[in-house]
PDB file of all heavy atoms in Angstrom:
ATOM      1  N   PRO A   1    -202.882 -12.309  -3.227  1.00  0.00           N
ATOM      2  CA  PRO A   1    -203.769 -11.326  -2.420  1.00  0.00           C
ATOM      3  C   PRO A   1    -203.579 -11.328  -1.006  1.00  0.00           C
ATOM      4  O   PRO A   1    -203.742 -10.329  -0.311  1.00  0.00           O
ATOM      5  CB  PRO A   1    -205.148 -11.729  -2.859  1.00  0.00           C
ATOM      6  CG  PRO A   1    -205.023 -13.055  -3.527  1.00  0.00           C
ATOM      7  CD  PRO A   1    -203.625 -13.228  -3.998  1.00  0.00           C
ATOM      8  N   GLN A   2    -203.113 -12.543  -0.424  1.00  0.00           N
ATOM      9  CA  GLN A   2    -202.817 -12.695   1.043  1.00  0.00           C
ATOM     10  C   GLN A   2    -201.937 -11.576   1.499  1.00  0.00           C
ATOM     11  O   GLN A   2    -201.905 -11.169   2.652  1.00  0.00           O
ATOM     12  CB  GLN A   2    -202.344 -14.043   1.436  1.00  0.00           C
ATOM     13  CG  GLN A   2    -203.478 -15.154   1.322  1.00  0.00           C
ATOM     14  CD  GLN A   2    -203.350 -15.709  -0.175  1.00  0.00           C
ATOM     15  OE1 GLN A   2    -202.782 -15.207  -1.061  1.00  0.00           O
ATOM     16  NE2 GLN A   2    -204.176 -16.751  -0.268  1.00  0.00           N
ATOM     17  N   GLU A   3    -200.826 -11.316   0.616  1.00  0.00           N
ATOM     18  CA  GLU A   3    -199.715 -10.349   1.000  1.00  0.00           C
ATOM     19  C   GLU A   3    -200.385  -9.004   1.331  1.00  0.00           C
ATOM     20  O   GLU A   3    -200.203  -8.373   2.255  1.00  0.00           O
ATOM     21  CB  GLU A   3    -198.847 -10.125  -0.201  1.00  0.00           C
ATOM     22  CG  GLU A   3    -197.560 -10.942  -0.182  1.00  0.00           C
ATOM     23  CD  GLU A   3    -196.794 -10.552  -1.396  1.00  0.00           C
ATOM     24  OE1 GLU A   3    -197.105 -10.648  -2.559  1.00  0.00           O
ATOM     25  OE2 GLU A   3    -195.570  -9.938  -1.069  1.00  0.00           O
ATOM     26  N   LEU A   4    -201.318  -8.577   0.458  1.00  0.00           N
ATOM     27  CA  LEU A   4    -202.017  -7.296   0.514  1.00  0.00           C
ATOM     28  C   LEU A   4    -202.977  -7.300   1.659  1.00  0.00           C
ATOM     29  O   LEU A   4    -203.218  -6.391   2.309  1.00  0.00           O
ATOM     30  CB  LEU A   4    -202.694  -6.854  -0.732  1.00  0.00           C
ATOM     31  CG  LEU A   4    -201.748  -6.854  -2.042  1.00  0.00           C
ATOM     32  CD1 LEU A   4    -202.549  -6.688  -3.267  1.00  0.00           C
ATOM     33  CD2 LEU A   4    -200.738  -5.812  -1.819  1.00  0.00           C
ATOM     34  N   GLU A   5    -203.645  -8.436   1.819  1.00  0.00           N
ATOM     35  CA  GLU A   5    -204.711  -8.518   2.919  1.00  0.00           C
ATOM     36  C   GLU A   5    -204.053  -8.505   4.297  1.00  0.00           C
ATOM     37  O   GLU A   5    -204.553  -7.743   5.123  1.00  0.00           O
ATOM     38  CB  GLU A   5    -205.560  -9.868   2.818  1.00  0.00           C
ATOM     39  CG  GLU A   5    -206.280  -9.858   1.593  1.00  0.00           C
ATOM     40  CD  GLU A   5    -206.926 -11.229   1.128  1.00  0.00           C
ATOM     41  OE1 GLU A   5    -206.488 -12.227   1.828  1.00  0.00           O
ATOM     42  OE2 GLU A   5    -207.675 -11.311   0.219  1.00  0.00           O
ATOM     43  N   ILE A   6    -202.831  -9.024   4.380  1.00  0.00           N
ATOM     44  CA  ILE A   6    -202.133  -8.913   5.699  1.00  0.00           C
ATOM     45  C   ILE A   6    -201.825  -7.378   5.970  1.00  0.00           C
ATOM     46  O   ILE A   6    -201.986  -6.889   7.176  1.00  0.00           O
ATOM     47  CB  ILE A   6    -200.875  -9.751   5.735  1.00  0.00           C
ATOM     48  CG1 ILE A   6    -201.279 -11.195   5.736  1.00  0.00           C
ATOM     49  CG2 ILE A   6    -199.976  -9.363   6.788  1.00  0.00           C
ATOM     50  CD1 ILE A   6    -200.015 -12.208   5.443  1.00  0.00           C
ATOM     51  N   LEU A   7    -201.339  -6.710   4.937  1.00  0.00           N
ATOM     52  CA  LEU A   7    -201.008  -5.212   5.125  1.00  0.00           C
ATOM     53  C   LEU A   7    -202.275  -4.378   5.534  1.00  0.00           C
ATOM     54  O   LEU A   7    -202.228  -3.555   6.333  1.00  0.00           O
ATOM     55  CB  LEU A   7    -200.333  -4.631   3.895  1.00  0.00           C
ATOM     56  CG  LEU A   7    -198.939  -5.211   3.588  1.00  0.00           C
ATOM     57  CD1 LEU A   7    -198.507  -4.734   2.192  1.00  0.00           C
ATOM     58  CD2 LEU A   7    -198.017  -4.680   4.705  1.00  0.00           C
ATOM     59  N   LEU A   8    -203.462  -4.751   4.771  1.00  0.00           N
ATOM     60  CA  LEU A   8    -204.673  -4.007   5.113  1.00  0.00           C
ATOM     61  C   LEU A   8    -205.139  -4.336   6.452  1.00  0.00           C
ATOM     62  O   LEU A   8    -205.621  -3.479   7.184  1.00  0.00           O
ATOM     63  CB  LEU A   8    -205.580  -4.414   4.035  1.00  0.00           C
ATOM     64  CG  LEU A   8    -205.454  -3.799   2.703  1.00  0.00           C
ATOM     65  CD1 LEU A   8    -206.381  -4.496   1.742  1.00  0.00           C
ATOM     66  CD2 LEU A   8    -205.667  -2.322   2.632  1.00  0.00           C
ATOM     67  N   ASN A   9    -205.114  -5.615   6.837  1.00  0.00           N
ATOM     68  CA  ASN A   9    -205.567  -6.038   8.153  1.00  0.00           C
ATOM     69  C   ASN A   9    -204.737  -5.459   9.373  1.00  0.00           C
ATOM     70  O   ASN A   9    -205.229  -5.523  10.546  1.00  0.00           O
ATOM     71  CB  ASN A   9    -205.645  -7.508   8.276  1.00  0.00           C
ATOM     72  CG  ASN A   9    -206.702  -8.065   7.313  1.00  0.00           C
ATOM     73  OD1 ASN A   9    -207.577  -7.398   6.865  1.00  0.00           O
ATOM     74  ND2 ASN A   9    -206.592  -9.427   7.059  1.00  0.00           N
ATOM     75  N   ASN A  10    -203.626  -4.919   9.165  1.00  0.00           N
ATOM     76  CA  ASN A  10    -202.770  -4.330  10.257  1.00  0.00           C
ATOM     77  C   ASN A  10    -203.466  -3.137  10.750  1.00  0.00           C
ATOM     78  O   ASN A  10    -203.091  -2.598  11.669  1.00  0.00           O
ATOM     79  CB  ASN A  10    -201.353  -4.133   9.779  1.00  0.00           C
ATOM     80  CG  ASN A  10    -200.521  -5.316   9.645  1.00  0.00           C
ATOM     81  OD1 ASN A  10    -200.861  -6.320  10.351  1.00  0.00           O
ATOM     82  ND2 ASN A  10    -199.515  -5.346   8.819  1.00  0.00           N
ATOM     83  N   SER A  11    -204.353  -2.444   9.852  1.00  0.00           N
ATOM     84  CA  SER A  11    -205.008  -1.276  10.282  1.00  0.00           C
ATOM     85  C   SER A  11    -205.911  -1.589  11.433  1.00  0.00           C
ATOM     86  O   SER A  11    -206.687  -2.558  11.450  1.00  0.00           O
ATOM     87  CB  SER A  11    -205.749  -0.698   9.134  1.00  0.00           C
ATOM     88  OG  SER A  11    -206.540   0.382   9.550  1.00  0.00           O
ATOM     89  N   SER A  12    -206.011  -0.666  12.363  1.00  0.00           N
ATOM     90  CA  SER A  12    -207.028  -0.746  13.496  1.00  0.00           C
ATOM     91  C   SER A  12    -208.431  -0.560  12.973  1.00  0.00           C
ATOM     92  O   SER A  12    -209.391  -0.931  13.744  1.00  0.00           O
ATOM     93  CB  SER A  12    -206.661   0.173  14.521  1.00  0.00           C
ATOM     94  OG  SER A  12    -206.720   1.498  14.112  1.00  0.00           O
ATOM     95  N   TYR A  13    -208.702  -0.008  11.860  1.00  0.00           N
ATOM     96  CA  TYR A  13    -209.941   0.424  11.372  1.00  0.00           C
ATOM     97  C   TYR A  13    -210.531  -0.762  10.574  1.00  0.00           C
ATOM     98  O   TYR A  13    -211.756  -0.964  10.475  1.00  0.00           O
ATOM     99  CB  TYR A  13    -209.946   1.525  10.390  1.00  0.00           C
ATOM    100  CG  TYR A  13    -209.455   2.774  10.919  1.00  0.00           C
ATOM    101  CD1 TYR A  13    -208.244   3.413  10.588  1.00  0.00           C
ATOM    102  CD2 TYR A  13    -210.168   3.430  11.872  1.00  0.00           C
ATOM    103  CE1 TYR A  13    -207.854   4.553  11.040  1.00  0.00           C
ATOM    104  CE2 TYR A  13    -209.761   4.553  12.576  1.00  0.00           C
ATOM    105  CZ  TYR A  13    -208.587   5.216  12.110  1.00  0.00           C
ATOM    106  OH  TYR A  13    -208.182   6.388  12.637  1.00  0.00           O
ATOM    107  N   ILE A  14    -209.735  -1.719  10.069  1.00  0.00           N
ATOM    108  CA  ILE A  14    -210.177  -2.882   9.227  1.00  0.00           C
ATOM    109  C   ILE A  14    -210.206  -4.128   9.913  1.00  0.00           C
ATOM    110  O   ILE A  14    -209.127  -4.476  10.609  1.00  0.00           O
ATOM    111  CB  ILE A  14    -209.228  -2.940   8.012  1.00  0.00           C
ATOM    112  CG1 ILE A  14    -209.353  -1.571   7.236  1.00  0.00           C
ATOM    113  CG2 ILE A  14    -209.631  -4.137   7.164  1.00  0.00           C
ATOM    114  CD1 ILE A  14    -208.255  -1.446   6.128  1.00  0.00           C
ATOM    115  N   GLU A  15    -211.422  -4.944   9.974  1.00  0.00           N
ATOM    116  CA  GLU A  15    -211.436  -6.196  10.697  1.00  0.00           C
ATOM    117  C   GLU A  15    -210.908  -7.223   9.753  1.00  0.00           C
ATOM    118  O   GLU A  15    -210.065  -8.026  10.166  1.00  0.00           O
ATOM    119  CB  GLU A  15    -212.868  -6.448  11.053  1.00  0.00           C
ATOM    120  CG  GLU A  15    -213.240  -5.769  12.377  1.00  0.00           C
ATOM    121  CD  GLU A  15    -214.449  -6.271  12.952  1.00  0.00           C
ATOM    122  OE1 GLU A  15    -215.020  -7.350  12.376  1.00  0.00           O
ATOM    123  OE2 GLU A  15    -214.948  -5.710  13.887  1.00  0.00           O
ATOM    124  N   GLU A  16    -211.351  -7.197   8.561  1.00  0.00           N
ATOM    125  CA  GLU A  16    -210.859  -8.240   7.535  1.00  0.00           C
ATOM    126  C   GLU A  16    -211.010  -7.554   6.106  1.00  0.00           C
ATOM    127  O   GLU A  16    -211.697  -6.703   5.904  1.00  0.00           O
ATOM    128  CB  GLU A  16    -211.664  -9.605   7.669  1.00  0.00           C
ATOM    129  CG  GLU A  16    -213.016  -9.488   7.888  1.00  0.00           C
ATOM    130  CD  GLU A  16    -213.680 -10.870   7.964  1.00  0.00           C
ATOM    131  OE1 GLU A  16    -212.981 -12.029   7.984  1.00  0.00           O
ATOM    132  OE2 GLU A  16    -214.829 -10.945   8.154  1.00  0.00           O
ATOM    133  N   SER A  17    -210.165  -8.122   5.245  1.00  0.00           N
ATOM    134  CA  SER A  17    -210.128  -7.623   3.893  1.00  0.00           C
ATOM    135  C   SER A  17    -210.124  -8.811   2.826  1.00  0.00           C
ATOM    136  O   SER A  17    -209.575  -9.884   3.133  1.00  0.00           O
ATOM    137  CB  SER A  17    -208.971  -6.616   3.737  1.00  0.00           C
ATOM    138  OG  SER A  17    -207.743  -7.442   3.926  1.00  0.00           O
ATOM    139  N   PHE A  18    -210.485  -8.555   1.627  1.00  0.00           N
ATOM    140  CA  PHE A  18    -210.561  -9.460   0.544  1.00  0.00           C
ATOM    141  C   PHE A  18    -210.056  -8.711  -0.706  1.00  0.00           C
ATOM    142  O   PHE A  18    -210.710  -7.764  -1.131  1.00  0.00           O
ATOM    143  CB  PHE A  18    -211.892  -9.983   0.348  1.00  0.00           C
ATOM    144  CG  PHE A  18    -212.153 -10.906  -0.795  1.00  0.00           C
ATOM    145  CD1 PHE A  18    -211.439 -12.118  -0.894  1.00  0.00           C
ATOM    146  CD2 PHE A  18    -212.961 -10.440  -1.842  1.00  0.00           C
ATOM    147  CE1 PHE A  18    -211.670 -12.789  -1.995  1.00  0.00           C
ATOM    148  CE2 PHE A  18    -213.193 -11.228  -2.973  1.00  0.00           C
ATOM    149  CZ  PHE A  18    -212.443 -12.438  -3.096  1.00  0.00           C
ATOM    150  N   VAL A  19    -208.922  -9.152  -1.292  1.00  0.00           N
ATOM    151  CA  VAL A  19    -208.442  -8.562  -2.483  1.00  0.00           C
ATOM    152  C   VAL A  19    -208.668  -9.376  -3.724  1.00  0.00           C
ATOM    153  O   VAL A  19    -208.487 -10.597  -3.559  1.00  0.00           O
ATOM    154  CB  VAL A  19    -206.927  -8.271  -2.269  1.00  0.00           C
ATOM    155  CG1 VAL A  19    -206.318  -7.745  -3.555  1.00  0.00           C
ATOM    156  CG2 VAL A  19    -206.510  -7.352  -1.131  1.00  0.00           C
ATOM    157  N   TYR A  20    -209.146  -8.785  -4.783  1.00  0.00           N
ATOM    158  CA  TYR A  20    -209.571  -9.589  -5.898  1.00  0.00           C
ATOM    159  C   TYR A  20    -209.353  -8.758  -7.174  1.00  0.00           C
ATOM    160  O   TYR A  20    -209.164  -7.488  -7.093  1.00  0.00           O
ATOM    161  CB  TYR A  20    -210.975 -10.009  -5.826  1.00  0.00           C
ATOM    162  CG  TYR A  20    -211.991  -8.897  -5.765  1.00  0.00           C
ATOM    163  CD1 TYR A  20    -212.717  -8.501  -6.930  1.00  0.00           C
ATOM    164  CD2 TYR A  20    -212.242  -8.245  -4.556  1.00  0.00           C
ATOM    165  CE1 TYR A  20    -213.543  -7.444  -6.779  1.00  0.00           C
ATOM    166  CE2 TYR A  20    -213.157  -7.174  -4.425  1.00  0.00           C
ATOM    167  CZ  TYR A  20    -213.818  -6.772  -5.645  1.00  0.00           C
ATOM    168  OH  TYR A  20    -214.703  -5.795  -5.544  1.00  0.00           O
ATOM    169  N   LEU A  21    -209.320  -9.376  -8.312  1.00  0.00           N
ATOM    170  CA  LEU A  21    -209.146  -8.733  -9.474  1.00  0.00           C
ATOM    171  C   LEU A  21    -210.582  -8.687 -10.192  1.00  0.00           C
ATOM    172  O   LEU A  21    -211.304  -9.649 -10.425  1.00  0.00           O
ATOM    173  CB  LEU A  21    -208.267  -9.640 -10.540  1.00  0.00           C
ATOM    174  CG  LEU A  21    -207.889  -8.963 -11.764  1.00  0.00           C
ATOM    175  CD1 LEU A  21    -207.067  -7.653 -11.539  1.00  0.00           C
ATOM    176  CD2 LEU A  21    -207.201  -9.949 -12.694  1.00  0.00           C
ATOM    177  N   SER A  22    -211.052  -7.449 -10.367  1.00  0.00           N
ATOM    178  CA  SER A  22    -212.425  -7.200 -10.885  1.00  0.00           C
ATOM    179  C   SER A  22    -212.458  -7.401 -12.388  1.00  0.00           C
ATOM    180  O   SER A  22    -211.687  -6.785 -13.144  1.00  0.00           O
ATOM    181  CB  SER A  22    -212.925  -5.849 -10.556  1.00  0.00           C
ATOM    182  OG  SER A  22    -214.105  -5.526 -11.171  1.00  0.00           O
ATOM    183  N   PRO A  23    -213.354  -8.235 -12.909  1.00  0.00           N
ATOM    184  CA  PRO A  23    -213.485  -8.338 -14.321  1.00  0.00           C
ATOM    185  C   PRO A  23    -213.888  -7.084 -15.049  1.00  0.00           C
ATOM    186  O   PRO A  23    -213.584  -6.840 -16.147  1.00  0.00           O
ATOM    187  CB  PRO A  23    -214.576  -9.433 -14.439  1.00  0.00           C
ATOM    188  CG  PRO A  23    -214.944  -9.930 -13.183  1.00  0.00           C
ATOM    189  CD  PRO A  23    -214.322  -9.076 -12.136  1.00  0.00           C
ATOM    190  N   ALA A  24    -214.736  -6.281 -14.250  1.00  0.00           N
ATOM    191  CA  ALA A  24    -215.195  -4.954 -14.855  1.00  0.00           C
ATOM    192  C   ALA A  24    -214.093  -3.967 -14.894  1.00  0.00           C
ATOM    193  O   ALA A  24    -214.126  -3.027 -15.747  1.00  0.00           O
ATOM    194  CB  ALA A  24    -216.271  -4.477 -14.061  1.00  0.00           C
ATOM    195  N   GLN A  25    -213.085  -4.120 -14.083  1.00  0.00           N
ATOM    196  CA  GLN A  25    -211.975  -3.090 -13.969  1.00  0.00           C
ATOM    197  C   GLN A  25    -210.737  -3.521 -14.805  1.00  0.00           C
ATOM    198  O   GLN A  25    -209.727  -2.836 -14.810  1.00  0.00           O
ATOM    199  CB  GLN A  25    -211.559  -2.790 -12.534  1.00  0.00           C
ATOM    200  CG  GLN A  25    -212.612  -2.260 -11.588  1.00  0.00           C
ATOM    201  CD  GLN A  25    -212.854  -0.865 -12.037  1.00  0.00           C
ATOM    202  OE1 GLN A  25    -212.038  -0.169 -12.263  1.00  0.00           O
ATOM    203  NE2 GLN A  25    -214.183  -0.529 -11.823  1.00  0.00           N
ATOM    204  N   GLY A  26    -210.777  -4.545 -15.543  1.00  0.00           N
ATOM    205  CA  GLY A  26    -209.555  -4.985 -16.330  1.00  0.00           C
ATOM    206  C   GLY A  26    -208.532  -5.593 -15.434  1.00  0.00           C
ATOM    207  O   GLY A  26    -208.681  -6.496 -14.573  1.00  0.00           O
ATOM    208  N   ASP A  27    -207.354  -4.893 -15.457  1.00  0.00           N
ATOM    209  CA  ASP A  27    -206.140  -5.450 -14.760  1.00  0.00           C
ATOM    210  C   ASP A  27    -206.079  -4.622 -13.454  1.00  0.00           C
ATOM    211  O   ASP A  27    -204.907  -4.325 -13.036  1.00  0.00           O
ATOM    212  CB  ASP A  27    -204.894  -5.205 -15.551  1.00  0.00           C
ATOM    213  CG  ASP A  27    -204.471  -6.571 -16.008  1.00  0.00           C
ATOM    214  OD1 ASP A  27    -205.034  -7.651 -15.761  1.00  0.00           O
ATOM    215  OD2 ASP A  27    -203.273  -6.511 -16.679  1.00  0.00           O
TER     216      ASP A  27
END
């Protein structure tokens, strides 16, 4: 998830991000 969070945090709109696998969403 850190890989994706780094890419997301590069945006000027996003302060921080948290990527996770939702049990409700399956994979």
